[in-house]
Amino acid sequence: GTNSRSVSRTLEYSYNDFCLATLAGGLGKHDVREKYMHRSMNWQNLWKEDQTSVIRGKDTGFKGFFQPKYMNGTWGFQDPIACSALGSFCSLTSNPSETFEASIWQYLFYVPHATSS
């Protein structure tokens, strides 16, 4: 649901699953490795290819950002600059949102296990 840090959690849990897959592979547990490797790609569920970003009324020209998604498959919205130096102050208690103390722009770089994607 919204205001649950869904973007942050999904990206962080995806990386956690990648780490578990790596460990399972090292232990020779290939079925477990495949399960968690598949789950590690769940970050793709929140990638909205046509999402744009506007800063101070000007389109940045960039497309493709993480966005919250409801269980019924419809998209939510969080301004990509919210919780950034260009946006407003944010903290865990004062700004319920889909990211944790960082902007969606910053989270663009948090898929360390799938950088080619």
Foldseek 3Di string as FASTA:
>chain_A
DWLPLQLAVLLVVLVVLCVQLVVCVVVVNNVSNVVSPVSSPSNVLQKDFADWAAQPNHTPPDGIWGFDADPVGHTDDDHQCDLHPRHDPDASPPDRGNRHNHGRVVCVPRSVVCVVD
